[in-house]
Amino acid sequence: MELSIHALPIPDSTKNMVPEVTRRSANYHPSIWGDHFLTTKSKNMKLSIHALPIPDSTKNMVPEVTRRSANYHPSIWGDHFLTTKSKNMELLVHISHRQEEVDVKMGQQLQQQKEEVRKMLVAANDQPSQKLNFIDAVQHLGVSYHFESEIEAALQHIYETDYDHHDDKANDDLYTVALSFRWWKELDFAKKMPFARDRIVECYFWILGVYFEPQYLLARRMLTKMIALTSIIDDIYDVYGTLEELALFTNAIERWEINAIDQLPEYMKQCYQALLDVYNMIDEEMARKGTSYRVHYAKSAVSLVLIGYKQTICD
């Protein structure tokens, strides 16, 4: 017998085998919690996970902004300087009754009294304070809608003539000045911006200490309005506004144009509009005196103040 020795073929199944590795074991004990926090108990023993739709009511939600509050006390003066006592109350009280509620005779009397009031409104008067008191009484009685055109004409006449009589000491008392500043009550910042200080009386006394001479009547009225608004703006920067809102307001002041109001939050729009109105009034007065160039410097000063406010907040 012949012996044939040759290389046997290696089976394919064993060509790629990895030698078994013997590994150590630390014999750690299993988790004492088991699957306690991973087990879901359901009545149907089925877990269905899917993306929940976002409710439409929450898609457009704006995150709530936490505002600061300085808790300023209200004005200690209240409406003390705006309360009117008029000698004409007995005459005007009849006008408050509606004509349809009285008989023919009373209706005729009412019409006659209305004509008397109308004549008093349009009559010339060398003392604007008396005319302002009378107009204030008519408005407090709630019958000013009968005389809207006459009141508007009378106020315009006082505005145009009273500024030219700066030596009229009788028309520069605080009460008369308060009547001239009826715009402050119309702005109603005390309700629209309760976070801000209502300091119109203090602002007037401040300016009165700066320009106390009679000939500076116009300057006192202008600066009182400017300082009163600056006080409101100061509280917006120090207390209420967010950094994003303050940046928008500062940018609007730098632009100083009505179109900039569209980018502001609602509560800032009222203040910005009032500021523009005051400086437009100042511009008109300066134009009458041939000194319109001064308004540019006044606006620049306001811009610098607000830029400083913003930098202080950011720092």
Protein backbone atom coordinates (compact mmCIF):
# COMPACT_ATOMS: atom_id res chain seq x y z
CA MET A 1 0.00 0.00 0.00
CA GLU A 2 1.19 3.40 -0.83
CA LEU A 3 0.87 6.28 1.62
CA SER A 4 -0.03 9.69 0.13
CA ILE A 5 0.35 12.72 2.34
CA HIS A 6 -0.96 16.07 1.14
CA ALA A 7 -2.48 19.30 2.57
CA LEU A 8 -6.09 18.94 3.52
CA PRO A 9 -8.37 21.92 2.52
CA ILE A 10 -9.61 24.16 5.38
CA PRO A 11 -13.42 24.34 5.46
CA ASP A 12 -14.83 27.79 4.60
CA SER A 13 -16.90 27.83 7.81
CA THR A 14 -13.79 27.95 9.96
CA LYS A 15 -11.65 30.40 8.00
CA ASN A 16 -13.04 33.56 9.71
CA MET A 17 -13.54 32.22 13.21
CA VAL A 18 -12.34 34.46 16.07
CA PRO A 19 -10.81 32.60 18.96
CA GLU A 20 -13.03 32.69 22.05
CA VAL A 21 -11.90 35.15 24.73
CA THR A 22 -12.36 34.32 28.35
CA ARG A 23 -13.50 37.52 30.17
CA ARG A 24 -13.54 38.32 33.87
CA SER A 25 -16.69 39.12 35.80
CA ALA A 26 -17.08 41.54 38.72
CA ASN A 27 -20.38 39.99 39.70
CA TYR A 28 -22.15 43.35 40.16
CA HIS A 29 -25.58 43.01 41.75
CA PRO A 30 -28.55 44.02 39.59
CA SER A 31 -30.19 47.46 39.94
CA ILE A 32 -32.23 47.67 43.11
CA TRP A 33 -34.82 49.72 41.16
CA GLY A 34 -35.41 47.15 38.50
CA ASP A 35 -37.69 48.55 35.77
CA HIS A 36 -39.74 50.60 38.25
CA PHE A 37 -39.24 53.93 36.47
CA LEU A 38 -39.41 52.46 32.99
CA THR A 39 -42.53 50.35 33.31
CA THR A 40 -45.73 51.76 31.89
CA LYS A 41 -49.01 50.44 33.13
CA SER A 42 -51.84 50.76 30.70
CA LYS A 43 -55.27 49.26 30.70
CA ASN A 44 -54.76 48.08 27.15
CA MET A 45 -51.11 47.06 27.80
CA LYS A 46 -50.19 48.87 24.62
CA LEU A 47 -47.93 51.91 24.41
CA SER A 48 -48.58 54.16 21.47
CA ILE A 49 -46.08 56.98 21.10
CA HIS A 50 -46.66 59.62 18.48
CA ALA A 51 -46.01 63.32 17.99
CA LEU A 52 -48.74 65.38 19.61
CA PRO A 53 -50.00 68.29 17.49
CA ILE A 54 -49.36 71.79 18.87
CA PRO A 55 -52.70 73.43 19.71
CA ASP A 56 -53.48 76.47 17.57
CA SER A 57 -54.09 78.52 20.71
CA THR A 58 -50.42 78.23 21.72
CA LYS A 59 -48.73 78.71 18.35
CA ASN A 60 -48.81 82.52 18.52
CA MET A 61 -48.35 82.91 22.26
CA VAL A 62 -45.97 85.69 23.26
CA PRO A 63 -43.84 84.92 26.33
CA GLU A 64 -44.98 86.93 29.33
CA VAL A 65 -42.62 89.73 30.28
CA THR A 66 -41.98 90.26 33.96
CA ARG A 67 -42.12 93.99 34.58
CA ARG A 68 -40.54 95.83 37.47
CA SER A 69 -42.53 98.20 39.62
CA ALA A 70 -41.26 101.17 41.61
CA ASN A 71 -44.57 101.55 43.49
CA TYR A 72 -44.60 105.32 43.18
CA HIS A 73 -47.22 107.00 45.32
CA PRO A 74 -49.95 108.92 43.45
CA SER A 75 -49.80 112.67 43.15
CA ILE A 76 -50.31 114.26 46.57
CA TRP A 77 -52.13 117.12 44.90
CA GLY A 78 -54.86 115.06 43.23
CA ASP A 79 -57.11 117.38 41.23
CA HIS A 80 -56.83 120.15 43.81
CA PHE A 81 -55.58 122.73 41.33
CA LEU A 82 -57.97 121.61 38.62
CA THR A 83 -61.18 121.88 40.65
CA THR A 84 -63.32 124.73 39.49
CA LYS A 85 -65.70 126.92 41.46
CA SER A 86 -67.52 129.23 39.12
CA LYS A 87 -69.93 132.07 39.81
CA ASN A 88 -71.79 131.09 36.67
CA MET A 89 -72.88 127.65 37.90
CA GLU A 90 -76.47 128.72 38.58
CA LEU A 91 -76.82 129.99 35.04
CA LEU A 92 -75.24 126.93 33.43
CA VAL A 93 -76.98 124.24 35.46
CA HIS A 94 -80.18 124.70 33.43
CA ILE A 95 -78.30 123.87 30.22
CA SER A 96 -77.59 120.34 31.49
CA HIS A 97 -81.28 119.43 31.17
CA ARG A 98 -82.21 118.01 27.82
CA GLN A 99 -84.62 120.15 25.84
CA GLU A 100 -87.05 117.32 25.21
CA GLU A 101 -87.63 116.82 28.94
CA VAL A 102 -88.99 120.30 29.54
CA ASP A 103 -92.14 121.98 28.38
CA VAL A 104 -92.31 124.58 25.65
CA LYS A 105 -91.82 127.51 28.00
CA MET A 106 -88.78 125.96 29.66
CA GLY A 107 -87.48 125.04 26.22
CA GLN A 108 -87.59 128.66 25.18
CA GLN A 109 -85.81 129.70 28.35
CA LEU A 110 -83.19 127.03 27.78
CA GLN A 111 -82.52 128.25 24.29
CA GLN A 112 -82.24 131.80 25.57
CA GLN A 113 -79.72 130.75 28.20
CA LYS A 114 -77.70 128.85 25.61
CA GLU A 115 -77.50 132.00 23.55
CA GLU A 116 -76.30 133.93 26.59
CA VAL A 117 -73.55 131.39 27.22
CA ARG A 118 -72.58 131.47 23.55
CA LYS A 119 -72.25 135.26 23.68
CA MET A 120 -70.08 135.00 26.79
CA LEU A 121 -67.78 132.55 25.03
CA VAL A 122 -67.28 134.67 21.92
CA ALA A 123 -67.10 138.02 23.72
CA ALA A 124 -63.69 139.69 23.93
CA ASN A 125 -62.03 139.47 27.32
CA ASP A 126 -58.83 141.13 28.49
CA GLN A 127 -58.39 138.57 31.27
CA PRO A 128 -57.82 135.09 29.79
CA SER A 129 -57.99 133.48 33.24
CA GLN A 130 -61.68 134.41 33.54
CA LYS A 131 -62.44 132.96 30.13
CA LEU A 132 -60.56 129.76 31.02
CA ASN A 133 -62.55 129.45 34.26
CA PHE A 134 -65.80 129.87 32.37
CA ILE A 135 -64.87 127.27 29.75
CA ASP A 136 -63.80 124.89 32.51
CA ALA A 137 -67.21 125.29 34.19
CA VAL A 138 -69.04 124.55 30.95
CA GLN A 139 -67.01 121.40 30.43
CA HIS A 140 -67.48 120.18 34.00
CA LEU A 141 -71.25 120.51 33.57
CA GLY A 142 -71.06 118.18 30.58
CA VAL A 143 -72.71 120.65 28.19
CA SER A 144 -69.65 121.69 26.21
CA TYR A 145 -70.92 119.73 23.19
CA HIS A 146 -73.41 122.58 22.64
CA PHE A 147 -70.55 125.06 22.18
CA GLU A 148 -67.70 123.08 20.64
CA SER A 149 -66.89 125.60 17.90
CA GLU A 150 -67.13 128.60 20.26
CA ILE A 151 -64.87 126.92 22.86
CA GLU A 152 -62.32 125.94 20.23
CA ALA A 153 -62.24 129.51 18.89
CA ALA A 154 -61.91 130.98 22.39
CA LEU A 155 -59.05 128.65 23.36
CA GLN A 156 -57.25 129.34 20.10
CA HIS A 157 -57.59 133.08 20.71
CA ILE A 158 -56.20 132.74 24.23
CA TYR A 159 -53.34 130.61 22.94
CA GLU A 160 -52.40 133.11 20.26
CA THR A 161 -52.72 136.25 22.37
CA ASP A 162 -51.74 135.15 25.86
CA TYR A 163 -48.24 134.14 24.79
CA ASP A 164 -47.65 137.69 23.64
CA HIS A 165 -48.49 139.16 27.07
CA HIS A 166 -45.68 137.78 29.16
CA ASP A 167 -46.00 140.58 31.72
CA ASP A 168 -49.53 139.54 32.70
CA LYS A 169 -48.86 138.36 36.27
CA ALA A 170 -52.53 137.72 36.97
CA ASN A 171 -52.60 134.93 34.38
CA ASP A 172 -49.58 133.08 35.72
CA ASP A 173 -50.91 131.59 38.94
CA LEU A 174 -50.75 127.82 39.31
CA TYR A 175 -54.49 127.30 38.87
CA THR A 176 -54.60 129.24 35.61
CA VAL A 177 -51.51 127.42 34.40
CA ALA A 178 -53.24 124.12 35.24
CA LEU A 179 -56.19 125.11 33.08
CA SER A 180 -53.79 125.95 30.26
CA PHE A 181 -52.29 122.46 30.69
CA ARG A 182 -55.61 120.66 30.13
CA TRP A 183 -53.68 118.51 27.61
CA TRP A 184 -52.15 116.65 30.59
CA LYS A 185 -55.56 115.44 31.76
CA GLU A 186 -56.46 114.45 28.21
CA LEU A 187 -53.29 112.37 27.95
CA ASP A 188 -54.49 110.50 31.06
CA PHE A 189 -51.08 109.00 31.78
CA ALA A 190 -52.14 108.27 35.36
CA LYS A 191 -54.44 105.51 34.06
CA LYS A 192 -52.64 104.54 30.86
CA MET A 193 -49.22 104.32 32.53
CA PRO A 194 -49.85 103.56 36.23
CA PHE A 195 -46.20 102.57 36.68
CA ALA A 196 -45.07 106.18 36.06
CA ARG A 197 -45.08 109.18 38.38
CA ASP A 198 -47.74 111.87 38.00
CA ARG A 199 -45.73 114.96 38.93
CA ILE A 200 -47.11 117.82 36.82
CA VAL A 201 -47.34 120.16 39.83
CA GLU A 202 -43.79 119.43 40.96
CA CYS A 203 -42.53 119.92 37.41
CA TYR A 204 -44.14 123.35 37.23
CA PHE A 205 -42.63 124.42 40.56
CA TRP A 206 -39.24 123.22 39.36
CA ILE A 207 -39.39 125.34 36.22
CA LEU A 208 -40.88 128.25 38.19
CA GLY A 209 -37.70 128.26 40.24
CA VAL A 210 -35.61 128.46 37.06
CA TYR A 211 -37.62 131.08 35.13
CA PHE A 212 -39.52 133.03 37.77
CA GLU A 213 -39.52 136.40 35.98
CA PRO A 214 -42.91 137.37 34.45
CA GLN A 215 -41.48 137.79 30.94
CA TYR A 216 -40.58 134.08 30.83
CA LEU A 217 -44.18 132.86 30.83
CA LEU A 218 -43.77 131.06 27.50
CA ALA A 219 -40.55 129.39 28.62
CA ARG A 220 -42.21 128.14 31.82
CA ARG A 221 -45.08 126.56 29.90
CA MET A 222 -42.84 124.92 27.34
CA LEU A 223 -40.36 123.56 29.86
CA THR A 224 -43.08 122.29 32.19
CA LYS A 225 -44.47 120.17 29.36
CA MET A 226 -41.02 118.98 28.39
CA ILE A 227 -40.02 118.04 31.95
CA ALA A 228 -43.36 116.34 32.65
CA LEU A 229 -42.89 114.09 29.60
CA THR A 230 -39.24 113.51 30.48
CA SER A 231 -40.37 112.27 33.90
CA ILE A 232 -42.69 109.74 32.23
CA ILE A 233 -39.92 108.61 29.86
CA ASP A 234 -37.50 108.28 32.78
CA ASP A 235 -39.87 105.82 34.46
CA ILE A 236 -40.25 103.88 31.21
CA TYR A 237 -36.49 103.39 31.12
CA ASP A 238 -35.94 102.81 34.84
CA VAL A 239 -38.98 100.74 35.73
CA TYR A 240 -41.13 99.31 32.97
CA GLY A 241 -39.48 98.90 29.57
CA THR A 242 -37.55 95.84 28.46
CA LEU A 243 -34.15 96.26 26.81
CA GLU A 244 -35.67 95.45 23.42
CA GLU A 245 -38.45 98.02 23.88
CA LEU A 246 -36.02 100.69 25.09
CA ALA A 247 -33.84 100.14 22.04
CA LEU A 248 -36.86 100.71 19.80
CA PHE A 249 -37.87 103.86 21.69
CA THR A 250 -34.34 105.30 21.59
CA ASN A 251 -34.17 104.63 17.86
CA ALA A 252 -37.53 106.38 17.36
CA ILE A 253 -36.31 109.45 19.26
CA GLU A 254 -33.17 109.58 17.15
CA ARG A 255 -35.29 109.48 13.99
CA TRP A 256 -37.82 111.99 15.37
CA GLU A 257 -40.54 111.30 12.81
CA ILE A 258 -44.11 110.09 13.07
CA ASN A 259 -43.46 106.94 11.00
CA ALA A 260 -41.21 105.63 13.78
CA ILE A 261 -44.27 105.17 16.00
CA ASP A 262 -45.28 101.99 14.15
CA GLN A 263 -42.37 100.01 15.60
CA LEU A 264 -43.20 100.85 19.23
CA PRO A 265 -45.27 98.89 21.77
CA GLU A 266 -48.73 100.29 22.38
CA TYR A 267 -47.96 101.96 25.70
CA MET A 268 -44.92 103.73 24.20
CA LYS A 269 -46.89 105.07 21.23
CA GLN A 270 -48.93 107.43 23.42
CA CYS A 271 -45.85 108.90 25.06
CA TYR A 272 -43.99 109.25 21.75
CA GLN A 273 -46.98 110.98 20.12
CA ALA A 274 -47.29 113.40 23.05
CA LEU A 275 -43.58 114.20 22.78
CA LEU A 276 -43.87 114.93 19.07
CA ASP A 277 -46.92 117.15 19.68
CA VAL A 278 -45.13 119.23 22.33
CA TYR A 279 -42.11 119.83 20.14
CA ASN A 280 -44.30 120.66 17.16
CA MET A 281 -45.97 123.29 19.33
CA ILE A 282 -42.57 124.63 20.33
CA ASP A 283 -41.51 124.67 16.68
CA GLU A 284 -44.57 126.75 15.75
CA GLU A 285 -43.87 129.26 18.53
CA MET A 286 -40.22 129.56 17.59
CA ALA A 287 -41.17 130.05 13.93
CA ARG A 288 -43.40 132.98 14.89
CA LYS A 289 -40.43 134.56 16.62
CA GLY A 290 -37.95 133.74 13.86
CA THR A 291 -35.92 131.38 16.05
CA SER A 292 -36.83 127.97 14.63
CA TYR A 293 -33.18 126.91 14.63
CA ARG A 294 -33.37 126.48 18.42
CA VAL A 295 -35.76 123.54 18.13
CA HIS A 296 -33.06 121.43 16.50
CA TYR A 297 -30.82 121.82 19.54
CA ALA A 298 -33.70 121.01 21.88
CA LYS A 299 -34.43 117.76 20.03
CA SER A 300 -30.75 116.83 19.99
CA ALA A 301 -30.60 117.34 23.76
CA VAL A 302 -33.55 114.99 24.28
CA SER A 303 -31.90 112.35 22.09
CA LEU A 304 -28.68 112.58 24.11
CA VAL A 305 -30.61 112.21 27.38
CA LEU A 306 -32.39 109.04 26.20
CA ILE A 307 -29.20 107.55 24.79
CA GLY A 308 -27.69 108.11 28.23
CA TYR A 309 -30.68 106.42 29.86
CA LYS A 310 -30.24 103.41 27.62
CA GLN A 311 -26.51 103.11 28.28
CA THR A 312 -27.12 103.31 32.01
CA ILE A 313 -29.63 100.46 31.82
CA CYS A 314 -27.32 98.32 29.66
CA ASP A 315 -24.34 98.87 31.97
